[in-house]
Amino acid sequence: MISYEPLWATMEKRGITKYQLIYHWGISSNTLRRMGHGEPISSNTLNELCLILQCRVEDILRFTATEEELAEVNRRKEEIIAFQRRRRKK
């Protein structure tokens, strides 16, 4: 799961408000809303935010896998391994 929690701390450190991002830098209010709800944004937007805030991507977002995500990835890995084994037997 991606969290944009680091963004808000970085903005505070830099003294940049949501208002400034929207009206001075052209970041859409919908993008900020999406980030506030943990929804995806484009890599172009990440690039813009890094430039505006003069920071790294890690200062904007954090990735932490949830138990559900890890379980799904493990399930898919097992399916791939099983498929490859069946294929080798043929």
PDB file of N, CA and C in Angstrom:
ATOM      1  N   MET A   1       0.842  -1.173   0.000  1.00  0.00           N
ATOM      2  CA  MET A   1       0.000   0.000   0.000  1.00  0.00           C
ATOM      3  C   MET A   1       0.888   1.237   0.000  1.00  0.00           C
ATOM      4  N   ILE A   2       0.514   2.190  -0.779  1.00  0.00           N
ATOM      5  CA  ILE A   2       1.267   3.438  -0.846  1.00  0.00           C
ATOM      6  C   ILE A   2       0.589   4.479   0.031  1.00  0.00           C
ATOM      7  N   SER A   3       1.408   5.128   0.844  1.00  0.00           N
ATOM      8  CA  SER A   3       0.925   6.208   1.701  1.00  0.00           C
ATOM      9  C   SER A   3       1.648   7.492   1.294  1.00  0.00           C
ATOM     10  N   TYR A   4       0.893   8.566   1.229  1.00  0.00           N
ATOM     11  CA  TYR A   4       1.471   9.874   0.909  1.00  0.00           C
ATOM     12  C   TYR A   4       1.737  10.688   2.173  1.00  0.00           C
ATOM     13  N   GLU A   5       1.721  10.021   3.318  1.00  0.00           N
ATOM     14  CA  GLU A   5       1.962  10.705   4.583  1.00  0.00           C
ATOM     15  C   GLU A   5       3.257  11.521   4.582  1.00  0.00           C
ATOM     16  N   PRO A   6       4.348  11.004   4.003  1.00  0.00           N
ATOM     17  CA  PRO A   6       5.580  11.816   3.989  1.00  0.00           C
ATOM     18  C   PRO A   6       5.425  13.153   3.261  1.00  0.00           C
ATOM     19  N   LEU A   7       4.514  13.219   2.278  1.00  0.00           N
ATOM     20  CA  LEU A   7       4.314  14.463   1.531  1.00  0.00           C
ATOM     21  C   LEU A   7       3.919  15.601   2.451  1.00  0.00           C
ATOM     22  N   TRP A   8       2.961  15.337   3.326  1.00  0.00           N
ATOM     23  CA  TRP A   8       2.439  16.405   4.171  1.00  0.00           C
ATOM     24  C   TRP A   8       3.536  16.933   5.111  1.00  0.00           C
ATOM     25  N   ALA A   9       4.380  16.036   5.611  1.00  0.00           N
ATOM     26  CA  ALA A   9       5.493  16.460   6.473  1.00  0.00           C
ATOM     27  C   ALA A   9       6.521  17.254   5.668  1.00  0.00           C
ATOM     28  N   THR A  10       6.795  16.822   4.447  1.00  0.00           N
ATOM     29  CA  THR A  10       7.755  17.526   3.583  1.00  0.00           C
ATOM     30  C   THR A  10       7.235  18.910   3.233  1.00  0.00           C
ATOM     31  N   MET A  11       5.948  19.006   2.930  1.00  0.00           N
ATOM     32  CA  MET A  11       5.363  20.316   2.624  1.00  0.00           C
ATOM     33  C   MET A  11       5.500  21.247   3.820  1.00  0.00           C
ATOM     34  N   GLU A  12       5.230  20.726   5.005  1.00  0.00           N
ATOM     35  CA  GLU A  12       5.338  21.554   6.209  1.00  0.00           C
ATOM     36  C   GLU A  12       6.778  22.031   6.410  1.00  0.00           C
ATOM     37  N   LYS A  13       7.737  21.123   6.232  1.00  0.00           N
ATOM     38  CA  LYS A  13       9.157  21.493   6.378  1.00  0.00           C
ATOM     39  C   LYS A  13       9.554  22.590   5.395  1.00  0.00           C
ATOM     40  N   ARG A  14       9.010  22.521   4.172  1.00  0.00           N
ATOM     41  CA  ARG A  14       9.362  23.476   3.124  1.00  0.00           C
ATOM     42  C   ARG A  14       8.506  24.745   3.181  1.00  0.00           C
ATOM     43  N   GLY A  15       7.501  24.730   4.031  1.00  0.00           N
ATOM     44  CA  GLY A  15       6.621  25.890   4.139  1.00  0.00           C
ATOM     45  C   GLY A  15       5.727  26.071   2.931  1.00  0.00           C
ATOM     46  N   ILE A  16       5.346  24.959   2.300  1.00  0.00           N
ATOM     47  CA  ILE A  16       4.478  25.008   1.115  1.00  0.00           C
ATOM     48  C   ILE A  16       3.117  24.437   1.483  1.00  0.00           C
ATOM     49  N   THR A  17       2.082  25.165   1.118  1.00  0.00           N
ATOM     50  CA  THR A  17       0.717  24.755   1.438  1.00  0.00           C
ATOM     51  C   THR A  17       0.042  24.120   0.217  1.00  0.00           C
ATOM     52  N   LYS A  18      -1.082  23.463   0.471  1.00  0.00           N
ATOM     53  CA  LYS A  18      -1.885  22.920  -0.629  1.00  0.00           C
ATOM     54  C   LYS A  18      -2.322  24.060  -1.549  1.00  0.00           C
ATOM     55  N   TYR A  19      -2.691  25.159  -0.969  1.00  0.00           N
ATOM     56  CA  TYR A  19      -3.108  26.336  -1.747  1.00  0.00           C
ATOM     57  C   TYR A  19      -2.006  26.721  -2.737  1.00  0.00           C
ATOM     58  N   GLN A  20      -0.777  26.794  -2.275  1.00  0.00           N
ATOM     59  CA  GLN A  20       0.338  27.167  -3.148  1.00  0.00           C
ATOM     60  C   GLN A  20       0.539  26.134  -4.253  1.00  0.00           C
ATOM     61  N   LEU A  21       0.442  24.861  -3.898  1.00  0.00           N
ATOM     62  CA  LEU A  21       0.598  23.820  -4.926  1.00  0.00           C
ATOM     63  C   LEU A  21      -0.454  23.973  -6.016  1.00  0.00           C
ATOM     64  N   ILE A  22      -1.670  24.283  -5.605  1.00  0.00           N
ATOM     65  CA  ILE A  22      -2.759  24.410  -6.573  1.00  0.00           C
ATOM     66  C   ILE A  22      -2.644  25.694  -7.388  1.00  0.00           C
ATOM     67  N   TYR A  23      -2.531  26.845  -6.708  1.00  0.00           N
ATOM     68  CA  TYR A  23      -2.636  28.132  -7.397  1.00  0.00           C
ATOM     69  C   TYR A  23      -1.319  28.707  -7.908  1.00  0.00           C
ATOM     70  N   HIS A  24      -0.210  28.297  -7.336  1.00  0.00           N
ATOM     71  CA  HIS A  24       1.077  28.826  -7.801  1.00  0.00           C
ATOM     72  C   HIS A  24       1.844  27.818  -8.660  1.00  0.00           C
ATOM     73  N   TRP A  25       1.623  26.523  -8.401  1.00  0.00           N
ATOM     74  CA  TRP A  25       2.401  25.506  -9.104  1.00  0.00           C
ATOM     75  C   TRP A  25       1.569  24.677 -10.069  1.00  0.00           C
ATOM     76  N   GLY A  26       0.259  24.842 -10.083  1.00  0.00           N
ATOM     77  CA  GLY A  26      -0.583  24.147 -11.064  1.00  0.00           C
ATOM     78  C   GLY A  26      -0.876  22.682 -10.764  1.00  0.00           C
ATOM     79  N   ILE A  27      -0.666  22.247  -9.526  1.00  0.00           N
ATOM     80  CA  ILE A  27      -1.045  20.878  -9.148  1.00  0.00           C
ATOM     81  C   ILE A  27      -2.557  20.890  -8.946  1.00  0.00           C
ATOM     82  N   SER A  28      -3.253  19.934  -9.542  1.00  0.00           N
ATOM     83  CA  SER A  28      -4.714  19.971  -9.456  1.00  0.00           C
ATOM     84  C   SER A  28      -5.198  19.610  -8.052  1.00  0.00           C
ATOM     85  N   SER A  29      -6.305  20.228  -7.681  1.00  0.00           N
ATOM     86  CA  SER A  29      -6.893  19.938  -6.374  1.00  0.00           C
ATOM     87  C   SER A  29      -7.347  18.484  -6.312  1.00  0.00           C
ATOM     88  N   ASN A  30      -7.742  17.933  -7.459  1.00  0.00           N
ATOM     89  CA  ASN A  30      -8.143  16.523  -7.498  1.00  0.00           C
ATOM     90  C   ASN A  30      -6.947  15.616  -7.197  1.00  0.00           C
ATOM     91  N   THR A  31      -5.773  15.982  -7.680  1.00  0.00           N
ATOM     92  CA  THR A  31      -4.570  15.192  -7.387  1.00  0.00           C
ATOM     93  C   THR A  31      -4.305  15.183  -5.888  1.00  0.00           C
ATOM     94  N   LEU A  32      -4.405  16.330  -5.255  1.00  0.00           N
ATOM     95  CA  LEU A  32      -4.193  16.394  -3.809  1.00  0.00           C
ATOM     96  C   LEU A  32      -5.277  15.621  -3.057  1.00  0.00           C
ATOM     97  N   ARG A  33      -6.500  15.666  -3.559  1.00  0.00           N
ATOM     98  CA  ARG A  33      -7.568  14.879  -2.948  1.00  0.00           C
ATOM     99  C   ARG A  33      -7.260  13.395  -3.058  1.00  0.00           C
ATOM    100  N   ARG A  34      -6.806  12.977  -4.262  1.00  0.00           N
ATOM    101  CA  ARG A  34      -6.469  11.570  -4.479  1.00  0.00           C
ATOM    102  C   ARG A  34      -5.368  11.130  -3.524  1.00  0.00           C
ATOM    103  N   MET A  35      -4.376  11.970  -3.357  1.00  0.00           N
ATOM    104  CA  MET A  35      -3.274  11.636  -2.456  1.00  0.00           C
ATOM    105  C   MET A  35      -3.762  11.570  -1.014  1.00  0.00           C
ATOM    106  N   GLY A  36      -4.674  12.440  -0.666  1.00  0.00           N
ATOM    107  CA  GLY A  36      -5.244  12.432   0.677  1.00  0.00           C
ATOM    108  C   GLY A  36      -6.021  11.162   0.988  1.00  0.00           C
ATOM    109  N   HIS A  37      -6.497  10.501  -0.076  1.00  0.00           N
ATOM    110  CA  HIS A  37      -7.256   9.259   0.083  1.00  0.00           C
ATOM    111  C   HIS A  37      -6.426   8.029  -0.283  1.00  0.00           C
ATOM    112  N   GLY A  38      -5.120   8.211  -0.496  1.00  0.00           N
ATOM    113  CA  GLY A  38      -4.246   7.079  -0.796  1.00  0.00           C
ATOM    114  C   GLY A  38      -4.458   6.479  -2.172  1.00  0.00           C
ATOM    115  N   GLU A  39      -4.999   7.260  -3.098  1.00  0.00           N
ATOM    116  CA  GLU A  39      -5.251   6.776  -4.450  1.00  0.00           C
ATOM    117  C   GLU A  39      -4.038   7.035  -5.337  1.00  0.00           C
ATOM    118  N   PRO A  40      -3.930   6.329  -6.472  1.00  0.00           N
ATOM    119  CA  PRO A  40      -2.760   6.478  -7.339  1.00  0.00           C
ATOM    120  C   PRO A  40      -2.672   7.851  -8.011  1.00  0.00           C
ATOM    121  N   ILE A  41      -1.441   8.246  -8.279  1.00  0.00           N
ATOM    122  CA  ILE A  41      -1.160   9.451  -9.070  1.00  0.00           C
ATOM    123  C   ILE A  41      -0.123   9.070 -10.109  1.00  0.00           C
ATOM    124  N   SER A  42       0.109   9.944 -11.070  1.00  0.00           N
ATOM    125  CA  SER A  42       1.051   9.620 -12.146  1.00  0.00           C
ATOM    126  C   SER A  42       2.495   9.867 -11.728  1.00  0.00           C
ATOM    127  N   SER A  43       3.390   9.209 -12.431  1.00  0.00           N
ATOM    128  CA  SER A  43       4.814   9.438 -12.172  1.00  0.00           C
ATOM    129  C   SER A  43       5.203  10.864 -12.578  1.00  0.00           C
ATOM    130  N   ASN A  44       4.485  11.444 -13.540  1.00  0.00           N
ATOM    131  CA  ASN A  44       4.743  12.838 -13.916  1.00  0.00           C
ATOM    132  C   ASN A  44       4.448  13.773 -12.746  1.00  0.00           C
ATOM    133  N   THR A  45       3.361  13.480 -12.030  1.00  0.00           N
ATOM    134  CA  THR A  45       3.012  14.288 -10.862  1.00  0.00           C
ATOM    135  C   THR A  45       4.058  14.127  -9.771  1.00  0.00           C
ATOM    136  N   LEU A  46       4.518  12.897  -9.561  1.00  0.00           N
ATOM    137  CA  LEU A  46       5.594  12.674  -8.583  1.00  0.00           C
ATOM    138  C   LEU A  46       6.831  13.482  -8.956  1.00  0.00           C
ATOM    139  N   ASN A  47       7.166  13.469 -10.227  1.00  0.00           N
ATOM    140  CA  ASN A  47       8.319  14.222 -10.710  1.00  0.00           C
ATOM    141  C   ASN A  47       8.146  15.714 -10.426  1.00  0.00           C
ATOM    142  N   GLU A  48       6.957  16.240 -10.745  1.00  0.00           N
ATOM    143  CA  GLU A  48       6.676  17.664 -10.497  1.00  0.00           C
ATOM    144  C   GLU A  48       6.802  18.014  -9.022  1.00  0.00           C
ATOM    145  N   LEU A  49       6.229  17.169  -8.166  1.00  0.00           N
ATOM    146  CA  LEU A  49       6.283  17.430  -6.737  1.00  0.00           C
ATOM    147  C   LEU A  49       7.720  17.393  -6.216  1.00  0.00           C
ATOM    148  N   CYS A  50       8.513  16.453  -6.722  1.00  0.00           N
ATOM    149  CA  CYS A  50       9.927  16.392  -6.320  1.00  0.00           C
ATOM    150  C   CYS A  50      10.659  17.667  -6.725  1.00  0.00           C
ATOM    151  N   LEU A  51      10.368  18.166  -7.904  1.00  0.00           N
ATOM    152  CA  LEU A  51      11.001  19.403  -8.361  1.00  0.00           C
ATOM    153  C   LEU A  51      10.553  20.599  -7.528  1.00  0.00           C
ATOM    154  N   ILE A  52       9.251  20.702  -7.302  1.00  0.00           N
ATOM    155  CA  ILE A  52       8.708  21.827  -6.539  1.00  0.00           C
ATOM    156  C   ILE A  52       9.248  21.837  -5.114  1.00  0.00           C
ATOM    157  N   LEU A  53       9.229  20.660  -4.481  1.00  0.00           N
ATOM    158  CA  LEU A  53       9.627  20.561  -3.075  1.00  0.00           C
ATOM    159  C   LEU A  53      11.134  20.333  -2.896  1.00  0.00           C
ATOM    160  N   GLN A  54      11.831  20.147  -4.031  1.00  0.00           N
ATOM    161  CA  GLN A  54      13.268  19.864  -4.011  1.00  0.00           C
ATOM    162  C   GLN A  54      13.565  18.715  -3.048  1.00  0.00           C
ATOM    163  N   CYS A  55      12.939  17.586  -3.357  1.00  0.00           N
ATOM    164  CA  CYS A  55      13.070  16.427  -2.488  1.00  0.00           C
ATOM    165  C   CYS A  55      13.144  15.154  -3.319  1.00  0.00           C
ATOM    166  N   ARG A  56      13.247  14.032  -2.640  1.00  0.00           N
ATOM    167  CA  ARG A  56      13.264  12.723  -3.285  1.00  0.00           C
ATOM    168  C   ARG A  56      11.866  12.104  -3.203  1.00  0.00           C
ATOM    169  N   VAL A  57      11.631  11.082  -4.003  1.00  0.00           N
ATOM    170  CA  VAL A  57      10.341  10.395  -4.007  1.00  0.00           C
ATOM    171  C   VAL A  57      10.015   9.891  -2.597  1.00  0.00           C
ATOM    172  N   GLU A  58      11.023   9.422  -1.873  1.00  0.00           N
ATOM    173  CA  GLU A  58      10.815   8.906  -0.517  1.00  0.00           C
ATOM    174  C   GLU A  58      10.277   9.978   0.434  1.00  0.00           C
ATOM    175  N   ASP A  59      10.453  11.246   0.070  1.00  0.00           N
ATOM    176  CA  ASP A  59       9.929  12.338   0.879  1.00  0.00           C
ATOM    177  C   ASP A  59       8.465  12.643   0.555  1.00  0.00           C
ATOM    178  N   ILE A  60       7.925  11.925  -0.434  1.00  0.00           N
ATOM    179  CA  ILE A  60       6.542  12.133  -0.863  1.00  0.00           C
ATOM    180  C   ILE A  60       5.670  10.919  -0.567  1.00  0.00           C
ATOM    181  N   LEU A  61       6.215   9.731  -0.761  1.00  0.00           N
ATOM    182  CA  LEU A  61       5.411   8.536  -0.537  1.00  0.00           C
ATOM    183  C   LEU A  61       6.203   7.452   0.171  1.00  0.00           C
ATOM    184  N   ARG A  62       5.440   6.507   0.740  1.00  0.00           N
ATOM    185  CA  ARG A  62       6.029   5.364   1.434  1.00  0.00           C
ATOM    186  C   ARG A  62       5.241   4.132   1.012  1.00  0.00           C
ATOM    187  N   PHE A  63       5.969   3.061   0.733  1.00  0.00           N
ATOM    188  CA  PHE A  63       5.328   1.795   0.383  1.00  0.00           C
ATOM    189  C   PHE A  63       5.479   0.818   1.536  1.00  0.00           C
ATOM    190  N   THR A  64       4.345   0.261   1.958  1.00  0.00           N
ATOM    191  CA  THR A  64       4.329  -0.788   2.959  1.00  0.00           C
ATOM    192  C   THR A  64       3.316  -1.820   2.498  1.00  0.00           C
ATOM    193  N   ALA A  65       3.767  -3.042   2.308  1.00  0.00           N
ATOM    194  CA  ALA A  65       2.857  -4.092   1.852  1.00  0.00           C
ATOM    195  C   ALA A  65       1.930  -4.512   2.989  1.00  0.00           C
ATOM    196  N   THR A  66       0.655  -4.631   2.662  1.00  0.00           N
ATOM    197  CA  THR A  66      -0.312  -5.124   3.647  1.00  0.00           C
ATOM    198  C   THR A  66      -0.270  -6.651   3.656  1.00  0.00           C
ATOM    199  N   GLU A  67      -0.823  -7.241   4.689  1.00  0.00           N
ATOM    200  CA  GLU A  67      -0.886  -8.707   4.775  1.00  0.00           C
ATOM    201  C   GLU A  67      -1.639  -9.284   3.576  1.00  0.00           C
ATOM    202  N   GLU A  68      -2.713  -8.614   3.180  1.00  0.00           N
ATOM    203  CA  GLU A  68      -3.515  -9.086   2.047  1.00  0.00           C
ATOM    204  C   GLU A  68      -2.701  -9.051   0.753  1.00  0.00           C
ATOM    205  N   GLU A  69      -1.952  -7.971   0.558  1.00  0.00           N
ATOM    206  CA  GLU A  69      -1.134  -7.859  -0.654  1.00  0.00           C
ATOM    207  C   GLU A  69      -0.064  -8.941  -0.683  1.00  0.00           C
ATOM    208  N   LEU A  70       0.595  -9.164   0.447  1.00  0.00           N
ATOM    209  CA  LEU A  70       1.623 -10.204   0.514  1.00  0.00           C
ATOM    210  C   LEU A  70       1.033 -11.583   0.258  1.00  0.00           C
ATOM    211  N   ALA A  71      -0.140 -11.851   0.815  1.00  0.00           N
ATOM    212  CA  ALA A  71      -0.798 -13.136   0.605  1.00  0.00           C
ATOM    213  C   ALA A  71      -1.135 -13.329  -0.870  1.00  0.00           C
ATOM    214  N   GLU A  72      -1.621 -12.283  -1.532  1.00  0.00           N
ATOM    215  CA  GLU A  72      -1.955 -12.369  -2.960  1.00  0.00           C
ATOM    216  C   GLU A  72      -0.707 -12.623  -3.799  1.00  0.00           C
ATOM    217  N   VAL A  73       0.378 -11.942  -3.503  1.00  0.00           N
ATOM    218  CA  VAL A  73       1.623 -12.146  -4.252  1.00  0.00           C
ATOM    219  C   VAL A  73       2.121 -13.577  -4.056  1.00  0.00           C
ATOM    220  N   ASN A  74       2.074 -14.073  -2.837  1.00  0.00           N
ATOM    221  CA  ASN A  74       2.514 -15.443  -2.573  1.00  0.00           C
ATOM    222  C   ASN A  74       1.631 -16.452  -3.293  1.00  0.00           C
ATOM    223  N   ARG A  75       0.321 -16.198  -3.327  1.00  0.00           N
ATOM    224  CA  ARG A  75      -0.593 -17.090  -4.044  1.00  0.00           C
ATOM    225  C   ARG A  75      -0.248 -17.126  -5.527  1.00  0.00           C
ATOM    226  N   ARG A  76       0.033 -15.953  -6.096  1.00  0.00           N
ATOM    227  CA  ARG A  76       0.387 -15.889  -7.520  1.00  0.00           C
ATOM    228  C   ARG A  76       1.706 -16.595  -7.796  1.00  0.00           C
ATOM    229  N   LYS A  77       2.675 -16.429  -6.906  1.00  0.00           N
ATOM    230  CA  LYS A  77       3.969 -17.116  -7.069  1.00  0.00           C
ATOM    231  C   LYS A  77       3.768 -18.626  -7.101  1.00  0.00           C
ATOM    232  N   GLU A  78       2.947 -19.131  -6.185  1.00  0.00           N
ATOM    233  CA  GLU A  78       2.673 -20.571  -6.136  1.00  0.00           C
ATOM    234  C   GLU A  78       2.012 -21.048  -7.420  1.00  0.00           C
ATOM    235  N   GLU A  79       1.106 -20.256  -7.967  1.00  0.00           N
ATOM    236  CA  GLU A  79       0.462 -20.619  -9.235  1.00  0.00           C
ATOM    237  C   GLU A  79       1.478 -20.686 -10.364  1.00  0.00           C
ATOM    238  N   ILE A  80       2.397 -19.726 -10.403  1.00  0.00           N
ATOM    239  CA  ILE A  80       3.421 -19.699 -11.458  1.00  0.00           C
ATOM    240  C   ILE A  80       4.329 -20.912 -11.341  1.00  0.00           C
ATOM    241  N   ILE A  81       4.745 -21.219 -10.124  1.00  0.00           N
ATOM    242  CA  ILE A  81       5.622 -22.380  -9.904  1.00  0.00           C
ATOM    243  C   ILE A  81       4.914 -23.659 -10.316  1.00  0.00           C
ATOM    244  N   ALA A  82       3.647 -23.802  -9.937  1.00  0.00           N
ATOM    245  CA  ALA A  82       2.878 -24.993 -10.304  1.00  0.00           C
ATOM    246  C   ALA A  82       2.735 -25.094 -11.817  1.00  0.00           C
ATOM    247  N   PHE A  83       2.480 -23.977 -12.472  1.00  0.00           N
ATOM    248  CA  PHE A  83       2.354 -23.962 -13.928  1.00  0.00           C
ATOM    249  C   PHE A  83       3.667 -24.381 -14.585  1.00  0.00           C
ATOM    250  N   GLN A  84       4.776 -23.857 -14.096  1.00  0.00           N
ATOM    251  CA  GLN A  84       6.079 -24.194 -14.665  1.00  0.00           C
ATOM    252  C   GLN A  84       6.398 -25.670 -14.474  1.00  0.00           C
ATOM    253  N   ARG A  85       6.041 -26.237 -13.339  1.00  0.00           N
ATOM    254  CA  ARG A  85       6.273 -27.672 -13.083  1.00  0.00           C
ATOM    255  C   ARG A  85       5.448 -28.527 -14.040  1.00  0.00           C
ATOM    256  N   ARG A  86       4.182 -28.149 -14.231  1.00  0.00           N
ATOM    257  CA  ARG A  86       3.328 -28.901 -15.152  1.00  0.00           C
ATOM    258  C   ARG A  86       3.893 -28.832 -16.563  1.00  0.00           C
ATOM    259  N   ARG A  87       4.392 -27.678 -16.926  1.00  0.00           N
ATOM    260  CA  ARG A  87       4.928 -27.476 -18.269  1.00  0.00           C
ATOM    261  C   ARG A  87       6.176 -28.307 -18.508  1.00  0.00           C
ATOM    262  N   ARG A  88       7.020 -28.433 -17.492  1.00  0.00           N
ATOM    263  CA  ARG A  88       8.245 -29.235 -17.613  1.00  0.00           C
ATOM    264  C   ARG A  88       7.946 -30.711 -17.763  1.00  0.00           C
ATOM    265  N   LYS A  89       6.860 -31.173 -17.162  1.00  0.00           N
ATOM    266  CA  LYS A  89       6.500 -32.590 -17.209  1.00  0.00           C
ATOM    267  C   LYS A  89       6.056 -33.014 -18.610  1.00  0.00           C
ATOM    268  N   LYS A  90       5.593 -32.084 -19.407  1.00  0.00           N
ATOM    269  CA  LYS A  90       5.084 -32.410 -20.753  1.00  0.00           C
ATOM    270  C   LYS A  90       6.167 -32.736 -21.715  1.00  0.00           C
TER     271      LYS A  90
END
